[in-house]
Amino acid sequence: MKYTNFIEIALPREQVAQLLADPAQLPKWLRGMVPHEPVQGIHGQLGTEPRTL
């Protein structure tokens, strides 16, 4: 089964990309997201180790 869904966001692409990349915004658009902060590394980069809050 294939499933496709899309939404139209009335914001510039760059602004949407910034919001999606901001760790503080993740719980707003990812249901069930457990907040975390990096212990080592930078959020979003390969090898980053998170600490669950």
PDB file of N, CA and C in Angstrom:
ATOM      1  N   MET A   1       0.839  -1.161   0.000  1.00  0.00           N
ATOM      2  CA  MET A   1       0.000   0.000   0.000  1.00  0.00           C
ATOM      3  C   MET A   1       0.894   1.237   0.000  1.00  0.00           C
ATOM      4  N   LYS A   2       0.529   2.206  -0.794  1.00  0.00           N
ATOM      5  CA  LYS A   2       1.233   3.481  -0.820  1.00  0.00           C
ATOM      6  C   LYS A   2       0.282   4.557  -0.318  1.00  0.00           C
ATOM      7  N   TYR A   3       0.845   5.497   0.401  1.00  0.00           N
ATOM      8  CA  TYR A   3       0.039   6.575   0.960  1.00  0.00           C
ATOM      9  C   TYR A   3       0.797   7.871   0.771  1.00  0.00           C
ATOM     10  N   THR A   4       0.144   8.848   0.218  1.00  0.00           N
ATOM     11  CA  THR A   4       0.748  10.153   0.003  1.00  0.00           C
ATOM     12  C   THR A   4      -0.138  11.216   0.619  1.00  0.00           C
ATOM     13  N   ASN A   5       0.497  12.159   1.267  1.00  0.00           N
ATOM     14  CA  ASN A   5      -0.233  13.248   1.884  1.00  0.00           C
ATOM     15  C   ASN A   5       0.587  14.520   1.724  1.00  0.00           C
ATOM     16  N   PHE A   6      -0.064  15.641   1.597  1.00  0.00           N
ATOM     17  CA  PHE A   6       0.660  16.895   1.519  1.00  0.00           C
ATOM     18  C   PHE A   6      -0.189  17.995   2.129  1.00  0.00           C
ATOM     19  N   ILE A   7       0.498  19.037   2.562  1.00  0.00           N
ATOM     20  CA  ILE A   7      -0.183  20.231   3.053  1.00  0.00           C
ATOM     21  C   ILE A   7       0.450  21.434   2.386  1.00  0.00           C
ATOM     22  N   GLU A   8      -0.295  22.478   2.268  1.00  0.00           N
ATOM     23  CA  GLU A   8       0.219  23.718   1.703  1.00  0.00           C
ATOM     24  C   GLU A   8       0.420  24.687   2.850  1.00  0.00           C
ATOM     25  N   ILE A   9       1.624  25.233   2.961  1.00  0.00           N
ATOM     26  CA  ILE A   9       1.974  26.157   4.035  1.00  0.00           C
ATOM     27  C   ILE A   9       2.176  27.532   3.414  1.00  0.00           C
ATOM     28  N   ALA A  10       1.495  28.512   3.953  1.00  0.00           N
ATOM     29  CA  ALA A  10       1.538  29.873   3.396  1.00  0.00           C
ATOM     30  C   ALA A  10       2.702  30.668   3.974  1.00  0.00           C
ATOM     31  N   LEU A  11       3.908  30.107   3.833  1.00  0.00           N
ATOM     32  CA  LEU A  11       5.133  30.776   4.269  1.00  0.00           C
ATOM     33  C   LEU A  11       6.212  30.533   3.231  1.00  0.00           C
ATOM     34  N   PRO A  12       7.212  31.401   3.167  1.00  0.00           N
ATOM     35  CA  PRO A  12       8.330  31.149   2.257  1.00  0.00           C
ATOM     36  C   PRO A  12       9.059  29.859   2.633  1.00  0.00           C
ATOM     37  N   ARG A  13       9.578  29.178   1.644  1.00  0.00           N
ATOM     38  CA  ARG A  13      10.262  27.897   1.842  1.00  0.00           C
ATOM     39  C   ARG A  13      11.390  28.008   2.871  1.00  0.00           C
ATOM     40  N   GLU A  14      12.162  29.094   2.826  1.00  0.00           N
ATOM     41  CA  GLU A  14      13.281  29.273   3.743  1.00  0.00           C
ATOM     42  C   GLU A  14      12.796  29.345   5.193  1.00  0.00           C
ATOM     43  N   GLN A  15      11.683  30.020   5.421  1.00  0.00           N
ATOM     44  CA  GLN A  15      11.143  30.148   6.778  1.00  0.00           C
ATOM     45  C   GLN A  15      10.647  28.792   7.295  1.00  0.00           C
ATOM     46  N   VAL A  16      10.007  28.023   6.431  1.00  0.00           N
ATOM     47  CA  VAL A  16       9.536  26.690   6.813  1.00  0.00           C
ATOM     48  C   VAL A  16      10.734  25.800   7.140  1.00  0.00           C
ATOM     49  N   ALA A  17      11.783  25.854   6.331  1.00  0.00           N
ATOM     50  CA  ALA A  17      12.974  25.046   6.580  1.00  0.00           C
ATOM     51  C   ALA A  17      13.612  25.404   7.920  1.00  0.00           C
ATOM     52  N   GLN A  18      13.651  26.683   8.256  1.00  0.00           N
ATOM     53  CA  GLN A  18      14.207  27.112   9.542  1.00  0.00           C
ATOM     54  C   GLN A  18      13.378  26.590  10.700  1.00  0.00           C
ATOM     55  N   LEU A  19      12.060  26.629  10.575  1.00  0.00           N
ATOM     56  CA  LEU A  19      11.193  26.120  11.639  1.00  0.00           C
ATOM     57  C   LEU A  19      11.357  24.618  11.816  1.00  0.00           C
ATOM     58  N   LEU A  20      11.459  23.888  10.716  1.00  0.00           N
ATOM     59  CA  LEU A  20      11.622  22.436  10.804  1.00  0.00           C
ATOM     60  C   LEU A  20      12.983  22.043  11.372  1.00  0.00           C
ATOM     61  N   ALA A  21      13.989  22.883  11.177  1.00  0.00           N
ATOM     62  CA  ALA A  21      15.336  22.587  11.663  1.00  0.00           C
ATOM     63  C   ALA A  21      15.544  23.016  13.113  1.00  0.00           C
ATOM     64  N   ASP A  22      14.632  23.807  13.667  1.00  0.00           N
ATOM     65  CA  ASP A  22      14.766  24.317  15.036  1.00  0.00           C
ATOM     66  C   ASP A  22      14.318  23.255  16.033  1.00  0.00           C
ATOM     67  N   PRO A  23      15.226  22.751  16.878  1.00  0.00           N
ATOM     68  CA  PRO A  23      14.865  21.696  17.827  1.00  0.00           C
ATOM     69  C   PRO A  23      13.729  22.095  18.768  1.00  0.00           C
ATOM     70  N   ALA A  24      13.611  23.360  19.093  1.00  0.00           N
ATOM     71  CA  ALA A  24      12.545  23.817  19.993  1.00  0.00           C
ATOM     72  C   ALA A  24      11.163  23.660  19.362  1.00  0.00           C
ATOM     73  N   GLN A  25      11.102  23.607  18.037  1.00  0.00           N
ATOM     74  CA  GLN A  25       9.830  23.498  17.325  1.00  0.00           C
ATOM     75  C   GLN A  25       9.409  22.051  17.067  1.00  0.00           C
ATOM     76  N   LEU A  26      10.320  21.094  17.235  1.00  0.00           N
ATOM     77  CA  LEU A  26      10.032  19.700  16.899  1.00  0.00           C
ATOM     78  C   LEU A  26       8.775  19.147  17.565  1.00  0.00           C
ATOM     79  N   PRO A  27       8.572  19.346  18.876  1.00  0.00           N
ATOM     80  CA  PRO A  27       7.366  18.782  19.490  1.00  0.00           C
ATOM     81  C   PRO A  27       6.062  19.356  18.924  1.00  0.00           C
ATOM     82  N   LYS A  28       6.128  20.517  18.285  1.00  0.00           N
ATOM     83  CA  LYS A  28       4.929  21.135  17.724  1.00  0.00           C
ATOM     84  C   LYS A  28       4.454  20.425  16.460  1.00  0.00           C
ATOM     85  N   TRP A  29       5.368  19.789  15.724  1.00  0.00           N
ATOM     86  CA  TRP A  29       4.948  19.136  14.476  1.00  0.00           C
ATOM     87  C   TRP A  29       5.230  17.639  14.448  1.00  0.00           C
ATOM     88  N   LEU A  30       5.890  17.104  15.462  1.00  0.00           N
ATOM     89  CA  LEU A  30       6.103  15.657  15.559  1.00  0.00           C
ATOM     90  C   LEU A  30       5.392  15.146  16.812  1.00  0.00           C
ATOM     91  N   ARG A  31       4.211  14.595  16.639  1.00  0.00           N
ATOM     92  CA  ARG A  31       3.467  14.080  17.778  1.00  0.00           C
ATOM     93  C   ARG A  31       4.243  12.974  18.475  1.00  0.00           C
ATOM     94  N   GLY A  32       4.244  13.010  19.804  1.00  0.00           N
ATOM     95  CA  GLY A  32       4.933  11.996  20.580  1.00  0.00           C
ATOM     96  C   GLY A  32       6.430  12.215  20.700  1.00  0.00           C
ATOM     97  N   MET A  33       6.925  13.311  20.167  1.00  0.00           N
ATOM     98  CA  MET A  33       8.360  13.603  20.230  1.00  0.00           C
ATOM     99  C   MET A  33       8.780  13.814  21.670  1.00  0.00           C
ATOM    100  N   VAL A  34       9.820  13.136  22.086  1.00  0.00           N
ATOM    101  CA  VAL A  34      10.365  13.309  23.423  1.00  0.00           C
ATOM    102  C   VAL A  34      11.453  14.380  23.328  1.00  0.00           C
ATOM    103  N   PRO A  35      11.303  15.468  24.083  1.00  0.00           N
ATOM    104  CA  PRO A  35      12.329  16.525  24.026  1.00  0.00           C
ATOM    105  C   PRO A  35      13.704  15.971  24.400  1.00  0.00           C
ATOM    106  N   HIS A  36      14.719  16.426  23.710  1.00  0.00           N
ATOM    107  CA  HIS A  36      16.080  16.008  24.016  1.00  0.00           C
ATOM    108  C   HIS A  36      17.035  17.128  23.679  1.00  0.00           C
ATOM    109  N   GLU A  37      18.203  17.072  24.275  1.00  0.00           N
ATOM    110  CA  GLU A  37      19.245  18.037  23.964  1.00  0.00           C
ATOM    111  C   GLU A  37      20.547  17.281  23.729  1.00  0.00           C
ATOM    112  N   PRO A  38      21.394  17.807  22.862  1.00  0.00           N
ATOM    113  CA  PRO A  38      22.655  17.121  22.572  1.00  0.00           C
ATOM    114  C   PRO A  38      23.598  17.138  23.772  1.00  0.00           C
ATOM    115  N   VAL A  39      24.195  15.983  24.079  1.00  0.00           N
ATOM    116  CA  VAL A  39      25.224  15.886  25.097  1.00  0.00           C
ATOM    117  C   VAL A  39      26.570  16.115  24.416  1.00  0.00           C
ATOM    118  N   GLN A  40      26.663  15.563  23.215  1.00  0.00           N
ATOM    119  CA  GLN A  40      27.883  15.690  22.433  1.00  0.00           C
ATOM    120  C   GLN A  40      27.488  15.904  20.984  1.00  0.00           C
ATOM    121  N   GLY A  41      28.090  16.875  20.329  1.00  0.00           N
ATOM    122  CA  GLY A  41      27.783  17.152  18.934  1.00  0.00           C
ATOM    123  C   GLY A  41      26.767  18.270  18.792  1.00  0.00           C
ATOM    124  N   ILE A  42      26.280  18.446  17.582  1.00  0.00           N
ATOM    125  CA  ILE A  42      25.336  19.507  17.248  1.00  0.00           C
ATOM    126  C   ILE A  42      24.054  18.882  16.722  1.00  0.00           C
ATOM    127  N   HIS A  43      22.908  19.387  17.186  1.00  0.00           N
ATOM    128  CA  HIS A  43      21.616  18.840  16.769  1.00  0.00           C
ATOM    129  C   HIS A  43      21.540  18.714  15.251  1.00  0.00           C
ATOM    130  N   GLY A  44      21.111  17.553  14.799  1.00  0.00           N
ATOM    131  CA  GLY A  44      20.916  17.316  13.379  1.00  0.00           C
ATOM    132  C   GLY A  44      22.133  16.784  12.649  1.00  0.00           C
ATOM    133  N   GLN A  45      23.271  16.720  13.310  1.00  0.00           N
ATOM    134  CA  GLN A  45      24.475  16.226  12.655  1.00  0.00           C
ATOM    135  C   GLN A  45      24.724  14.772  13.036  1.00  0.00           C
ATOM    136  N   LEU A  46      25.295  14.033  12.119  1.00  0.00           N
ATOM    137  CA  LEU A  46      25.617  12.635  12.319  1.00  0.00           C
ATOM    138  C   LEU A  46      26.540  12.459  13.518  1.00  0.00           C
ATOM    139  N   GLY A  47      26.208  11.508  14.385  1.00  0.00           N
ATOM    140  CA  GLY A  47      27.039  11.202  15.542  1.00  0.00           C
ATOM    141  C   GLY A  47      26.683  11.963  16.796  1.00  0.00           C
ATOM    142  N   THR A  48      25.708  12.860  16.728  1.00  0.00           N
ATOM    143  CA  THR A  48      25.302  13.605  17.906  1.00  0.00           C
ATOM    144  C   THR A  48      24.658  12.658  18.918  1.00  0.00           C
ATOM    145  N   GLU A  49      25.038  12.801  20.181  1.00  0.00           N
ATOM    146  CA  GLU A  49      24.485  11.975  21.243  1.00  0.00           C
ATOM    147  C   GLU A  49      23.505  12.807  22.058  1.00  0.00           C
ATOM    148  N   PRO A  50      22.206  12.423  22.086  1.00  0.00           N
ATOM    149  CA  PRO A  50      21.243  13.201  22.846  1.00  0.00           C
ATOM    150  C   PRO A  50      21.094  12.725  24.288  1.00  0.00           C
ATOM    151  N   ARG A  51      20.664  13.646  25.141  1.00  0.00           N
ATOM    152  CA  ARG A  51      20.293  13.320  26.514  1.00  0.00           C
ATOM    153  C   ARG A  51      18.792  13.541  26.594  1.00  0.00           C
ATOM    154  N   THR A  52      18.038  12.522  26.943  1.00  0.00           N
ATOM    155  CA  THR A  52      16.596  12.639  27.062  1.00  0.00           C
ATOM    156  C   THR A  52      16.260  13.448  28.302  1.00  0.00           C
ATOM    157  N   LEU A  53      15.383  14.430  28.124  1.00  0.00           N
ATOM    158  CA  LEU A  53      14.989  15.279  29.254  1.00  0.00           C
ATOM    159  C   LEU A  53      13.901  14.643  30.070  1.00  0.00           C
TER     160      LEU A  53
END
